[in-house]
Amino acid sequence: MKVTYTSVLVMAMLSLLLSSQVLVSTAVTCSPVQLASCAGAMMSSSTPPSSGCCASLREQKPCLCGYLRDPSLRGYVNSPNSRKVANICNVPLPNC
């Protein structure tokens, strides 16, 4: 089985996402795993985000500052591709 650099990065991101959960007062459960539908778009600039990805990103919007403060998630949330996905989904990344 051939393992590519991208698949290793996606698996690493998903494992980080699975290990991080925070509760926000807006009754949204902050769980980066909810953004798994965005993994392809966040890892590849040629993959557009799905409508499900955008819906998940909008739902997780109150959690984005927490993700940006988390050293294990910051690089994924703040990457150029993630910023592009957020822009396409009309979910501005916050200035925390």
PDB file of N, CA and C in Angstrom:
ATOM      1  N   MET A   1       0.845  -1.176   0.000  1.00  0.00           N
ATOM      2  CA  MET A   1       0.000   0.000   0.000  1.00  0.00           C
ATOM      3  C   MET A   1       0.889   1.237   0.000  1.00  0.00           C
ATOM      4  N   LYS A   2       0.651   2.115  -0.943  1.00  0.00           N
ATOM      5  CA  LYS A   2       1.434   3.336  -1.069  1.00  0.00           C
ATOM      6  C   LYS A   2       0.847   4.419  -0.176  1.00  0.00           C
ATOM      7  N   VAL A   3       1.682   5.029   0.652  1.00  0.00           N
ATOM      8  CA  VAL A   3       1.252   6.099   1.551  1.00  0.00           C
ATOM      9  C   VAL A   3       1.839   7.406   1.034  1.00  0.00           C
ATOM     10  N   THR A   4       0.965   8.378   0.809  1.00  0.00           N
ATOM     11  CA  THR A   4       1.429   9.664   0.314  1.00  0.00           C
ATOM     12  C   THR A   4       1.575  10.651   1.460  1.00  0.00           C
ATOM     13  N   TYR A   5       2.316  11.686   1.213  1.00  0.00           N
ATOM     14  CA  TYR A   5       2.526  12.742   2.188  1.00  0.00           C
ATOM     15  C   TYR A   5       1.195  13.356   2.598  1.00  0.00           C
ATOM     16  N   THR A   6       0.314  13.578   1.615  1.00  0.00           N
ATOM     17  CA  THR A   6      -0.988  14.175   1.905  1.00  0.00           C
ATOM     18  C   THR A   6      -1.818  13.278   2.799  1.00  0.00           C
ATOM     19  N   SER A   7      -1.831  11.976   2.519  1.00  0.00           N
ATOM     20  CA  SER A   7      -2.641  11.084   3.354  1.00  0.00           C
ATOM     21  C   SER A   7      -2.110  11.028   4.782  1.00  0.00           C
ATOM     22  N   VAL A   8      -0.798  11.115   4.949  1.00  0.00           N
ATOM     23  CA  VAL A   8      -0.226  11.141   6.293  1.00  0.00           C
ATOM     24  C   VAL A   8      -0.644  12.420   7.013  1.00  0.00           C
ATOM     25  N   LEU A   9      -0.627  13.556   6.302  1.00  0.00           N
ATOM     26  CA  LEU A   9      -1.047  14.828   6.902  1.00  0.00           C
ATOM     27  C   LEU A   9      -2.529  14.804   7.273  1.00  0.00           C
ATOM     28  N   VAL A  10      -3.351  14.246   6.395  1.00  0.00           N
ATOM     29  CA  VAL A  10      -4.783  14.178   6.691  1.00  0.00           C
ATOM     30  C   VAL A  10      -5.019  13.313   7.917  1.00  0.00           C
ATOM     31  N   MET A  11      -4.346  12.176   8.002  1.00  0.00           N
ATOM     32  CA  MET A  11      -4.512  11.295   9.156  1.00  0.00           C
ATOM     33  C   MET A  11      -4.026  11.981  10.439  1.00  0.00           C
ATOM     34  N   ALA A  12      -2.916  12.708  10.348  1.00  0.00           N
ATOM     35  CA  ALA A  12      -2.408  13.423  11.525  1.00  0.00           C
ATOM     36  C   ALA A  12      -3.402  14.495  11.954  1.00  0.00           C
ATOM     37  N   MET A  13      -3.963  15.201  10.988  1.00  0.00           N
ATOM     38  CA  MET A  13      -4.938  16.243  11.306  1.00  0.00           C
ATOM     39  C   MET A  13      -6.181  15.637  11.947  1.00  0.00           C
ATOM     40  N   LEU A  14      -6.661  14.552  11.396  1.00  0.00           N
ATOM     41  CA  LEU A  14      -7.849  13.915  11.951  1.00  0.00           C
ATOM     42  C   LEU A  14      -7.597  13.389  13.356  1.00  0.00           C
ATOM     43  N   SER A  15      -6.400  12.848  13.609  1.00  0.00           N
ATOM     44  CA  SER A  15      -6.123  12.362  14.963  1.00  0.00           C
ATOM     45  C   SER A  15      -6.055  13.524  15.953  1.00  0.00           C
ATOM     46  N   LEU A  16      -5.510  14.660  15.517  1.00  0.00           N
ATOM     47  CA  LEU A  16      -5.504  15.847  16.378  1.00  0.00           C
ATOM     48  C   LEU A  16      -6.925  16.341  16.613  1.00  0.00           C
ATOM     49  N   LEU A  17      -7.720  16.302  15.559  1.00  0.00           N
ATOM     50  CA  LEU A  17      -9.089  16.754  15.686  1.00  0.00           C
ATOM     51  C   LEU A  17      -9.871  15.874  16.645  1.00  0.00           C
ATOM     52  N   LEU A  18      -9.640  14.587  16.591  1.00  0.00           N
ATOM     53  CA  LEU A  18     -10.351  13.664  17.466  1.00  0.00           C
ATOM     54  C   LEU A  18      -9.967  13.838  18.923  1.00  0.00           C
ATOM     55  N   SER A  19      -8.742  14.293  19.168  1.00  0.00           N
ATOM     56  CA  SER A  19      -8.269  14.395  20.545  1.00  0.00           C
ATOM     57  C   SER A  19      -8.627  15.715  21.217  1.00  0.00           C
ATOM     58  N   SER A  20      -9.209  16.672  20.473  1.00  0.00           N
ATOM     59  CA  SER A  20      -9.502  17.995  21.026  1.00  0.00           C
ATOM     60  C   SER A  20     -10.993  18.267  21.010  1.00  0.00           C
ATOM     61  N   GLN A  21     -11.556  18.493  22.198  1.00  0.00           N
ATOM     62  CA  GLN A  21     -12.953  18.908  22.305  1.00  0.00           C
ATOM     63  C   GLN A  21     -13.063  19.939  23.419  1.00  0.00           C
ATOM     64  N   VAL A  22     -13.826  21.002  23.161  1.00  0.00           N
ATOM     65  CA  VAL A  22     -14.028  22.085  24.112  1.00  0.00           C
ATOM     66  C   VAL A  22     -15.502  22.474  24.049  1.00  0.00           C
ATOM     67  N   LEU A  23     -16.067  22.901  25.152  1.00  0.00           N
ATOM     68  CA  LEU A  23     -17.457  23.345  25.162  1.00  0.00           C
ATOM     69  C   LEU A  23     -17.494  24.868  25.254  1.00  0.00           C
ATOM     70  N   VAL A  24     -18.265  25.509  24.378  1.00  0.00           N
ATOM     71  CA  VAL A  24     -18.413  26.960  24.344  1.00  0.00           C
ATOM     72  C   VAL A  24     -19.799  27.304  24.867  1.00  0.00           C
ATOM     73  N   SER A  25     -19.929  28.472  25.478  1.00  0.00           N
ATOM     74  CA  SER A  25     -21.181  28.865  26.116  1.00  0.00           C
ATOM     75  C   SER A  25     -22.347  29.034  25.138  1.00  0.00           C
ATOM     76  N   THR A  26     -22.108  29.081  23.843  1.00  0.00           N
ATOM     77  CA  THR A  26     -23.193  29.230  22.876  1.00  0.00           C
ATOM     78  C   THR A  26     -23.888  27.902  22.600  1.00  0.00           C
ATOM     79  N   ALA A  27     -23.653  26.912  23.409  1.00  0.00           N
ATOM     80  CA  ALA A  27     -24.250  25.589  23.287  1.00  0.00           C
ATOM     81  C   ALA A  27     -23.728  24.829  22.076  1.00  0.00           C
ATOM     82  N   VAL A  28     -22.653  25.285  21.485  1.00  0.00           N
ATOM     83  CA  VAL A  28     -21.996  24.558  20.412  1.00  0.00           C
ATOM     84  C   VAL A  28     -20.912  23.715  21.058  1.00  0.00           C
ATOM     85  N   THR A  29     -20.892  22.446  20.735  1.00  0.00           N
ATOM     86  CA  THR A  29     -19.801  21.612  21.218  1.00  0.00           C
ATOM     87  C   THR A  29     -18.634  21.797  20.263  1.00  0.00           C
ATOM     88  N   CYS A  30     -17.576  22.374  20.769  1.00  0.00           N
ATOM     89  CA  CYS A  30     -16.392  22.611  19.943  1.00  0.00           C
ATOM     90  C   CYS A  30     -15.647  21.300  19.777  1.00  0.00           C
ATOM     91  N   SER A  31     -15.721  20.792  18.589  1.00  0.00           N
ATOM     92  CA  SER A  31     -15.069  19.542  18.269  1.00  0.00           C
ATOM     93  C   SER A  31     -14.471  19.658  16.879  1.00  0.00           C
ATOM     94  N   PRO A  32     -13.159  19.768  16.793  1.00  0.00           N
ATOM     95  CA  PRO A  32     -12.535  19.898  15.476  1.00  0.00           C
ATOM     96  C   PRO A  32     -12.871  18.741  14.541  1.00  0.00           C
ATOM     97  N   VAL A  33     -13.246  17.604  15.095  1.00  0.00           N
ATOM     98  CA  VAL A  33     -13.610  16.466  14.245  1.00  0.00           C
ATOM     99  C   VAL A  33     -14.824  16.805  13.387  1.00  0.00           C
ATOM    100  N   GLN A  34     -15.618  17.785  13.818  1.00  0.00           N
ATOM    101  CA  GLN A  34     -16.760  18.213  13.024  1.00  0.00           C
ATOM    102  C   GLN A  34     -16.324  18.850  11.701  1.00  0.00           C
ATOM    103  N   LEU A  35     -15.055  19.203  11.608  1.00  0.00           N
ATOM    104  CA  LEU A  35     -14.525  19.803  10.380  1.00  0.00           C
ATOM    105  C   LEU A  35     -13.875  18.764   9.470  1.00  0.00           C
ATOM    106  N   ALA A  36     -14.054  17.489   9.776  1.00  0.00           N
ATOM    107  CA  ALA A  36     -13.448  16.431   8.963  1.00  0.00           C
ATOM    108  C   ALA A  36     -13.900  16.501   7.508  1.00  0.00           C
ATOM    109  N   SER A  37     -15.126  16.963   7.269  1.00  0.00           N
ATOM    110  CA  SER A  37     -15.611  17.083   5.897  1.00  0.00           C
ATOM    111  C   SER A  37     -14.848  18.145   5.110  1.00  0.00           C
ATOM    112  N   CYS A  38     -14.071  18.957   5.810  1.00  0.00           N
ATOM    113  CA  CYS A  38     -13.273  20.007   5.165  1.00  0.00           C
ATOM    114  C   CYS A  38     -11.824  19.569   4.921  1.00  0.00           C
ATOM    115  N   ALA A  39     -11.455  18.394   5.390  1.00  0.00           N
ATOM    116  CA  ALA A  39     -10.050  17.974   5.333  1.00  0.00           C
ATOM    117  C   ALA A  39      -9.491  18.016   3.919  1.00  0.00           C
ATOM    118  N   GLY A  40     -10.233  17.502   2.951  1.00  0.00           N
ATOM    119  CA  GLY A  40      -9.744  17.497   1.575  1.00  0.00           C
ATOM    120  C   GLY A  40      -9.492  18.892   1.053  1.00  0.00           C
ATOM    121  N   ALA A  41     -10.433  19.794   1.292  1.00  0.00           N
ATOM    122  CA  ALA A  41     -10.293  21.173   0.818  1.00  0.00           C
ATOM    123  C   ALA A  41      -9.191  21.910   1.556  1.00  0.00           C
ATOM    124  N   MET A  42      -9.004  21.585   2.850  1.00  0.00           N
ATOM    125  CA  MET A  42      -7.958  22.259   3.631  1.00  0.00           C
ATOM    126  C   MET A  42      -6.567  21.748   3.277  1.00  0.00           C
ATOM    127  N   MET A  43      -6.501  20.536   2.744  1.00  0.00           N
ATOM    128  CA  MET A  43      -5.200  19.955   2.417  1.00  0.00           C
ATOM    129  C   MET A  43      -4.803  20.189   0.963  1.00  0.00           C
ATOM    130  N   SER A  44      -5.764  20.501   0.104  1.00  0.00           N
ATOM    131  CA  SER A  44      -5.477  20.664  -1.320  1.00  0.00           C
ATOM    132  C   SER A  44      -6.157  21.921  -1.843  1.00  0.00           C
ATOM    133  N   SER A  45      -5.367  22.781  -2.440  1.00  0.00           N
ATOM    134  CA  SER A  45      -5.936  24.026  -2.968  1.00  0.00           C
ATOM    135  C   SER A  45      -6.812  23.771  -4.187  1.00  0.00           C
ATOM    136  N   SER A  46      -6.730  22.576  -4.777  1.00  0.00           N
ATOM    137  CA  SER A  46      -7.533  22.280  -5.961  1.00  0.00           C
ATOM    138  C   SER A  46      -8.881  21.637  -5.628  1.00  0.00           C
ATOM    139  N   THR A  47      -9.110  21.329  -4.353  1.00  0.00           N
ATOM    140  CA  THR A  47     -10.367  20.712  -3.936  1.00  0.00           C
ATOM    141  C   THR A  47     -11.261  21.766  -3.301  1.00  0.00           C
ATOM    142  N   PRO A  48     -12.406  22.050  -3.922  1.00  0.00           N
ATOM    143  CA  PRO A  48     -13.303  23.055  -3.324  1.00  0.00           C
ATOM    144  C   PRO A  48     -14.019  22.484  -2.104  1.00  0.00           C
ATOM    145  N   PRO A  49     -14.385  23.324  -1.149  1.00  0.00           N
ATOM    146  CA  PRO A  49     -15.119  22.837   0.012  1.00  0.00           C
ATOM    147  C   PRO A  49     -16.546  22.442  -0.380  1.00  0.00           C
ATOM    148  N   SER A  50     -17.041  21.384   0.231  1.00  0.00           N
ATOM    149  CA  SER A  50     -18.413  20.942  -0.021  1.00  0.00           C
ATOM    150  C   SER A  50     -19.383  21.818   0.771  1.00  0.00           C
ATOM    151  N   SER A  51     -20.650  21.709   0.455  1.00  0.00           N
ATOM    152  CA  SER A  51     -21.661  22.458   1.214  1.00  0.00           C
ATOM    153  C   SER A  51     -21.684  21.960   2.658  1.00  0.00           C
ATOM    154  N   GLY A  52     -21.438  20.661   2.854  1.00  0.00           N
ATOM    155  CA  GLY A  52     -21.366  20.109   4.211  1.00  0.00           C
ATOM    156  C   GLY A  52     -20.202  20.681   4.988  1.00  0.00           C
ATOM    157  N   CYS A  53     -19.084  20.872   4.307  1.00  0.00           N
ATOM    158  CA  CYS A  53     -17.904  21.486   4.934  1.00  0.00           C
ATOM    159  C   CYS A  53     -18.249  22.894   5.380  1.00  0.00           C
ATOM    160  N   CYS A  54     -18.865  23.680   4.492  1.00  0.00           N
ATOM    161  CA  CYS A  54     -19.207  25.066   4.835  1.00  0.00           C
ATOM    162  C   CYS A  54     -20.199  25.114   5.990  1.00  0.00           C
ATOM    163  N   ALA A  55     -21.161  24.199   6.005  1.00  0.00           N
ATOM    164  CA  ALA A  55     -22.129  24.161   7.097  1.00  0.00           C
ATOM    165  C   ALA A  55     -21.426  23.852   8.418  1.00  0.00           C
ATOM    166  N   SER A  56     -20.495  22.911   8.386  1.00  0.00           N
ATOM    167  CA  SER A  56     -19.749  22.562   9.599  1.00  0.00           C
ATOM    168  C   SER A  56     -18.887  23.721  10.063  1.00  0.00           C
ATOM    169  N   LEU A  57     -18.268  24.405   9.115  1.00  0.00           N
ATOM    170  CA  LEU A  57     -17.424  25.545   9.453  1.00  0.00           C
ATOM    171  C   LEU A  57     -18.256  26.660  10.082  1.00  0.00           C
ATOM    172  N   ARG A  58     -19.441  26.911   9.546  1.00  0.00           N
ATOM    173  CA  ARG A  58     -20.324  27.929  10.137  1.00  0.00           C
ATOM    174  C   ARG A  58     -20.747  27.514  11.552  1.00  0.00           C
ATOM    175  N   GLU A  59     -21.053  26.244  11.728  1.00  0.00           N
ATOM    176  CA  GLU A  59     -21.456  25.757  13.051  1.00  0.00           C
ATOM    177  C   GLU A  59     -20.319  25.877  14.062  1.00  0.00           C
ATOM    178  N   GLN A  60     -19.090  25.653  13.627  1.00  0.00           N
ATOM    179  CA  GLN A  60     -17.935  25.686  14.511  1.00  0.00           C
ATOM    180  C   GLN A  60     -17.328  27.083  14.635  1.00  0.00           C
ATOM    181  N   LYS A  61     -17.908  28.084  13.981  1.00  0.00           N
ATOM    182  CA  LYS A  61     -17.373  29.450  14.007  1.00  0.00           C
ATOM    183  C   LYS A  61     -17.098  29.967  15.421  1.00  0.00           C
ATOM    184  N   PRO A  62     -17.989  29.741  16.409  1.00  0.00           N
ATOM    185  CA  PRO A  62     -17.696  30.235  17.762  1.00  0.00           C
ATOM    186  C   PRO A  62     -16.469  29.566  18.393  1.00  0.00           C
ATOM    187  N   CYS A  63     -16.024  28.487  17.801  1.00  0.00           N
ATOM    188  CA  CYS A  63     -14.911  27.714  18.361  1.00  0.00           C
ATOM    189  C   CYS A  63     -13.559  28.072  17.742  1.00  0.00           C
ATOM    190  N   LEU A  64     -13.570  28.850  16.676  1.00  0.00           N
ATOM    191  CA  LEU A  64     -12.341  29.064  15.909  1.00  0.00           C
ATOM    192  C   LEU A  64     -11.231  29.729  16.717  1.00  0.00           C
ATOM    193  N   CYS A  65     -11.556  30.657  17.604  1.00  0.00           N
ATOM    194  CA  CYS A  65     -10.498  31.268  18.429  1.00  0.00           C
ATOM    195  C   CYS A  65      -9.819  30.215  19.303  1.00  0.00           C
ATOM    196  N   GLY A  66     -10.608  29.316  19.853  1.00  0.00           N
ATOM    197  CA  GLY A  66     -10.035  28.242  20.657  1.00  0.00           C
ATOM    198  C   GLY A  66      -9.112  27.366  19.836  1.00  0.00           C
ATOM    199  N   TYR A  67      -9.516  27.067  18.609  1.00  0.00           N
ATOM    200  CA  TYR A  67      -8.662  26.261  17.733  1.00  0.00           C
ATOM    201  C   TYR A  67      -7.385  27.014  17.376  1.00  0.00           C
ATOM    202  N   LEU A  68      -7.511  28.333  17.146  1.00  0.00           N
ATOM    203  CA  LEU A  68      -6.327  29.129  16.812  1.00  0.00           C
ATOM    204  C   LEU A  68      -5.362  29.251  17.986  1.00  0.00           C
ATOM    205  N   ARG A  69      -5.882  29.151  19.207  1.00  0.00           N
ATOM    206  CA  ARG A  69      -5.023  29.225  20.402  1.00  0.00           C
ATOM    207  C   ARG A  69      -4.383  27.881  20.739  1.00  0.00           C
ATOM    208  N   ASP A  70      -4.938  26.803  20.210  1.00  0.00           N
ATOM    209  CA  ASP A  70      -4.431  25.457  20.491  1.00  0.00           C
ATOM    210  C   ASP A  70      -3.219  25.184  19.599  1.00  0.00           C
ATOM    211  N   PRO A  71      -2.033  25.008  20.196  1.00  0.00           N
ATOM    212  CA  PRO A  71      -0.828  24.805  19.388  1.00  0.00           C
ATOM    213  C   PRO A  71      -0.922  23.611  18.440  1.00  0.00           C
ATOM    214  N   SER A  72      -1.680  22.596  18.808  1.00  0.00           N
ATOM    215  CA  SER A  72      -1.775  21.417  17.943  1.00  0.00           C
ATOM    216  C   SER A  72      -2.751  21.624  16.780  1.00  0.00           C
ATOM    217  N   LEU A  73      -3.580  22.649  16.832  1.00  0.00           N
ATOM    218  CA  LEU A  73      -4.554  22.914  15.769  1.00  0.00           C
ATOM    219  C   LEU A  73      -4.258  24.179  14.985  1.00  0.00           C
ATOM    220  N   ARG A  74      -3.521  25.105  15.590  1.00  0.00           N
ATOM    221  CA  ARG A  74      -3.269  26.421  14.990  1.00  0.00           C
ATOM    222  C   ARG A  74      -2.773  26.328  13.550  1.00  0.00           C
ATOM    223  N   GLY A  75      -1.826  25.436  13.299  1.00  0.00           N
ATOM    224  CA  GLY A  75      -1.252  25.322  11.955  1.00  0.00           C
ATOM    225  C   GLY A  75      -2.257  24.908  10.904  1.00  0.00           C
ATOM    226  N   TYR A  76      -3.220  24.090  11.285  1.00  0.00           N
ATOM    227  CA  TYR A  76      -4.247  23.661  10.339  1.00  0.00           C
ATOM    228  C   TYR A  76      -5.271  24.752  10.107  1.00  0.00           C
ATOM    229  N   VAL A  77      -5.729  25.376  11.169  1.00  0.00           N
ATOM    230  CA  VAL A  77      -6.779  26.390  11.061  1.00  0.00           C
ATOM    231  C   VAL A  77      -6.259  27.649  10.382  1.00  0.00           C
ATOM    232  N   ASN A  78      -4.989  27.941  10.570  1.00  0.00           N
ATOM    233  CA  ASN A  78      -4.399  29.179  10.064  1.00  0.00           C
ATOM    234  C   ASN A  78      -3.642  28.983   8.754  1.00  0.00           C
ATOM    235  N   SER A  79      -3.730  27.810   8.157  1.00  0.00           N
ATOM    236  CA  SER A  79      -3.003  27.543   6.912  1.00  0.00           C
ATOM    237  C   SER A  79      -3.635  28.319   5.755  1.00  0.00           C
ATOM    238  N   PRO A  80      -2.867  28.563   4.700  1.00  0.00           N
ATOM    239  CA  PRO A  80      -3.428  29.281   3.543  1.00  0.00           C
ATOM    240  C   PRO A  80      -4.653  28.574   2.952  1.00  0.00           C
ATOM    241  N   ASN A  81      -4.618  27.250   2.857  1.00  0.00           N
ATOM    242  CA  ASN A  81      -5.767  26.532   2.298  1.00  0.00           C
ATOM    243  C   ASN A  81      -6.982  26.635   3.213  1.00  0.00           C
ATOM    244  N   SER A  82      -6.771  26.581   4.524  1.00  0.00           N
ATOM    245  CA  SER A  82      -7.890  26.712   5.457  1.00  0.00           C
ATOM    246  C   SER A  82      -8.491  28.104   5.374  1.00  0.00           C
ATOM    247  N   ARG A  83      -7.645  29.101   5.223  1.00  0.00           N
ATOM    248  CA  ARG A  83      -8.146  30.467   5.060  1.00  0.00           C
ATOM    249  C   ARG A  83      -8.954  30.591   3.763  1.00  0.00           C
ATOM    250  N   LYS A  84      -8.491  29.916   2.711  1.00  0.00           N
ATOM    251  CA  LYS A  84      -9.205  29.927   1.434  1.00  0.00           C
ATOM    252  C   LYS A  84     -10.577  29.264   1.596  1.00  0.00           C
ATOM    253  N   VAL A  85     -10.618  28.128   2.280  1.00  0.00           N
ATOM    254  CA  VAL A  85     -11.885  27.434   2.518  1.00  0.00           C
ATOM    255  C   VAL A  85     -12.830  28.338   3.301  1.00  0.00           C
ATOM    256  N   ALA A  86     -12.334  28.964   4.354  1.00  0.00           N
ATOM    257  CA  ALA A  86     -13.166  29.860   5.160  1.00  0.00           C
ATOM    258  C   ALA A  86     -13.705  31.010   4.303  1.00  0.00           C
ATOM    259  N   ASN A  87     -12.878  31.547   3.438  1.00  0.00           N
ATOM    260  CA  ASN A  87     -13.291  32.639   2.556  1.00  0.00           C
ATOM    261  C   ASN A  87     -14.375  32.177   1.591  1.00  0.00           C
ATOM    262  N   ILE A  88     -14.190  31.019   0.975  1.00  0.00           N
ATOM    263  CA  ILE A  88     -15.184  30.487   0.037  1.00  0.00           C
ATOM    264  C   ILE A  88     -16.510  30.234   0.755  1.00  0.00           C
ATOM    265  N   CYS A  89     -16.424  29.767   1.996  1.00  0.00           N
ATOM    266  CA  CYS A  89     -17.636  29.473   2.785  1.00  0.00           C
ATOM    267  C   CYS A  89     -18.230  30.717   3.447  1.00  0.00           C
ATOM    268  N   ASN A  90     -17.613  31.865   3.230  1.00  0.00           N
ATOM    269  CA  ASN A  90     -18.063  33.126   3.840  1.00  0.00           C
ATOM    270  C   ASN A  90     -18.071  33.057   5.363  1.00  0.00           C
ATOM    271  N   VAL A  91     -17.036  32.447   5.912  1.00  0.00           N
ATOM    272  CA  VAL A  91     -16.861  32.371   7.362  1.00  0.00           C
ATOM    273  C   VAL A  91     -15.510  33.022   7.666  1.00  0.00           C
ATOM    274  N   PRO A  92     -15.504  34.296   7.994  1.00  0.00           N
ATOM    275  CA  PRO A  92     -14.217  34.968   8.258  1.00  0.00           C
ATOM    276  C   PRO A  92     -13.554  34.394   9.494  1.00  0.00           C
ATOM    277  N   LEU A  93     -12.254  34.153   9.385  1.00  0.00           N
ATOM    278  CA  LEU A  93     -11.520  33.714  10.554  1.00  0.00           C
ATOM    279  C   LEU A  93     -11.368  34.888  11.514  1.00  0.00           C
ATOM    280  N   PRO A  94     -11.596  34.660  12.783  1.00  0.00           N
ATOM    281  CA  PRO A  94     -11.552  35.763  13.749  1.00  0.00           C
ATOM    282  C   PRO A  94     -10.124  36.228  14.030  1.00  0.00           C
ATOM    283  N   ASN A  95     -10.003  37.458  14.460  1.00  0.00           N
ATOM    284  CA  ASN A  95      -8.730  37.977  14.988  1.00  0.00           C
ATOM    285  C   ASN A  95      -8.793  37.820  16.487  1.00  0.00           C
ATOM    286  N   CYS A  96      -8.097  36.826  16.985  1.00  0.00           N
ATOM    287  CA  CYS A  96      -8.179  36.519  18.422  1.00  0.00           C
ATOM    288  C   CYS A  96      -6.995  37.088  19.173  1.00  0.00           C
TER     289      CYS A  96
END
